[in-house]
Amino acid sequence: MAILDDGEVRSCAQSLDLPIIGTLGIILRARKQDLLPAARPLVDQILAAGSHINRELVEGALAKIGE
């Protein structure tokens, strides 16, 4: 598995049929496994630090886990 956020690199990995996950996916998995008390504060910190994760994607993903 590759952990990727860059769009071009992600496309390349997909063309090679590599399973991929991004930063948001890692955070959501950690939250679902109760390794984090909450996902939203960490996601907010990452966004504030300059990450360019799509806000609509973030809100949809957090809604799915009840945050």
C-alpha atoms as a PDB file:
ATOM      1  CA  MET A   1       0.000   0.000   0.000  1.00  0.00           C
ATOM      2  CA  ALA A   2       1.180   3.512  -0.736  1.00  0.00           C
ATOM      3  CA  ILE A   3       0.266   6.587   1.317  1.00  0.00           C
ATOM      4  CA  LEU A   4      -0.181   9.396  -1.195  1.00  0.00           C
ATOM      5  CA  ASP A   5      -1.776  12.816  -1.386  1.00  0.00           C
ATOM      6  CA  ASP A   6      -0.212  14.290  -4.528  1.00  0.00           C
ATOM      7  CA  GLY A   7      -2.653  14.044  -7.426  1.00  0.00           C
ATOM      8  CA  GLU A   8      -0.135  13.109 -10.118  1.00  0.00           C
ATOM      9  CA  VAL A   9       1.540  10.484  -7.950  1.00  0.00           C
ATOM     10  CA  ARG A  10      -1.853   9.099  -6.953  1.00  0.00           C
ATOM     11  CA  SER A  11      -2.831   8.774 -10.630  1.00  0.00           C
ATOM     12  CA  CYS A  12       0.405   6.975 -11.387  1.00  0.00           C
ATOM     13  CA  ALA A  13      -0.109   4.543  -8.486  1.00  0.00           C
ATOM     14  CA  GLN A  14      -3.680   3.876  -9.605  1.00  0.00           C
ATOM     15  CA  SER A  15      -2.488   3.138 -13.141  1.00  0.00           C
ATOM     16  CA  LEU A  16      -0.230   0.473 -11.610  1.00  0.00           C
ATOM     17  CA  ASP A  17      -3.163  -0.941  -9.600  1.00  0.00           C
ATOM     18  CA  LEU A  18      -1.457  -0.107  -6.309  1.00  0.00           C
ATOM     19  CA  PRO A  19      -3.743   0.259  -3.313  1.00  0.00           C
ATOM     20  CA  ILE A  20      -3.442   3.825  -2.032  1.00  0.00           C
ATOM     21  CA  ILE A  21      -4.605   5.854   0.913  1.00  0.00           C
ATOM     22  CA  GLY A  22      -4.162   9.524   1.691  1.00  0.00           C
ATOM     23  CA  THR A  23      -3.612  11.439   4.890  1.00  0.00           C
ATOM     24  CA  LEU A  24      -7.346  11.812   5.457  1.00  0.00           C
ATOM     25  CA  GLY A  25      -7.821   8.066   5.035  1.00  0.00           C
ATOM     26  CA  ILE A  26      -5.135   7.316   7.612  1.00  0.00           C
ATOM     27  CA  ILE A  27      -6.742   9.693  10.112  1.00  0.00           C
ATOM     28  CA  LEU A  28     -10.198   8.201   9.548  1.00  0.00           C
ATOM     29  CA  ARG A  29      -8.889   4.664   9.998  1.00  0.00           C
ATOM     30  CA  ALA A  30      -7.151   5.652  13.206  1.00  0.00           C
ATOM     31  CA  ARG A  31     -10.364   7.222  14.508  1.00  0.00           C
ATOM     32  CA  LYS A  32     -12.473   4.182  13.591  1.00  0.00           C
ATOM     33  CA  GLN A  33     -10.009   1.991  15.502  1.00  0.00           C
ATOM     34  CA  ASP A  34     -10.230   4.329  18.528  1.00  0.00           C
ATOM     35  CA  LEU A  35      -6.573   5.294  18.169  1.00  0.00           C
ATOM     36  CA  LEU A  36      -7.647   8.965  18.152  1.00  0.00           C
ATOM     37  CA  PRO A  37     -10.266  10.546  20.409  1.00  0.00           C
ATOM     38  CA  ALA A  38     -11.455  12.691  17.480  1.00  0.00           C
ATOM     39  CA  ALA A  39     -10.445  13.169  13.847  1.00  0.00           C
ATOM     40  CA  ARG A  40     -11.615  16.732  13.227  1.00  0.00           C
ATOM     41  CA  PRO A  41      -9.009  18.543  15.385  1.00  0.00           C
ATOM     42  CA  LEU A  42      -6.165  16.724  13.645  1.00  0.00           C
ATOM     43  CA  VAL A  43      -7.648  17.356  10.195  1.00  0.00           C
ATOM     44  CA  ASP A  44      -8.111  21.034  11.069  1.00  0.00           C
ATOM     45  CA  GLN A  45      -4.447  21.254  12.137  1.00  0.00           C
ATOM     46  CA  ILE A  46      -3.292  19.669   8.885  1.00  0.00           C
ATOM     47  CA  LEU A  47      -5.415  22.068   6.843  1.00  0.00           C
ATOM     48  CA  ALA A  48      -4.166  25.048   8.859  1.00  0.00           C
ATOM     49  CA  ALA A  49      -0.588  23.935   8.178  1.00  0.00           C
ATOM     50  CA  GLY A  50      -1.215  24.273   4.454  1.00  0.00           C
ATOM     51  CA  SER A  51      -2.436  20.886   3.269  1.00  0.00           C
ATOM     52  CA  HIS A  52      -4.643  21.155   0.212  1.00  0.00           C
ATOM     53  CA  ILE A  53      -7.148  18.425   1.010  1.00  0.00           C
ATOM     54  CA  ASN A  54     -10.466  19.224  -0.650  1.00  0.00           C
ATOM     55  CA  ARG A  55     -12.746  20.755   2.017  1.00  0.00           C
ATOM     56  CA  GLU A  56     -15.858  19.059   0.596  1.00  0.00           C
ATOM     57  CA  LEU A  57     -14.093  15.692   0.777  1.00  0.00           C
ATOM     58  CA  VAL A  58     -13.032  16.422   4.363  1.00  0.00           C
ATOM     59  CA  GLU A  59     -16.528  17.378   5.495  1.00  0.00           C
ATOM     60  CA  GLY A  60     -18.090  14.343   3.805  1.00  0.00           C
ATOM     61  CA  ALA A  61     -15.565  11.973   5.341  1.00  0.00           C
ATOM     62  CA  LEU A  62     -15.929  13.451   8.816  1.00  0.00           C
ATOM     63  CA  ALA A  63     -19.719  13.310   8.537  1.00  0.00           C
ATOM     64  CA  LYS A  64     -19.493   9.576   7.815  1.00  0.00           C
ATOM     65  CA  ILE A  65     -17.807   9.047  11.166  1.00  0.00           C
ATOM     66  CA  GLY A  66     -20.137  11.407  12.999  1.00  0.00           C
ATOM     67  CA  GLU A  67     -17.853  14.414  13.364  1.00  0.00           C
END
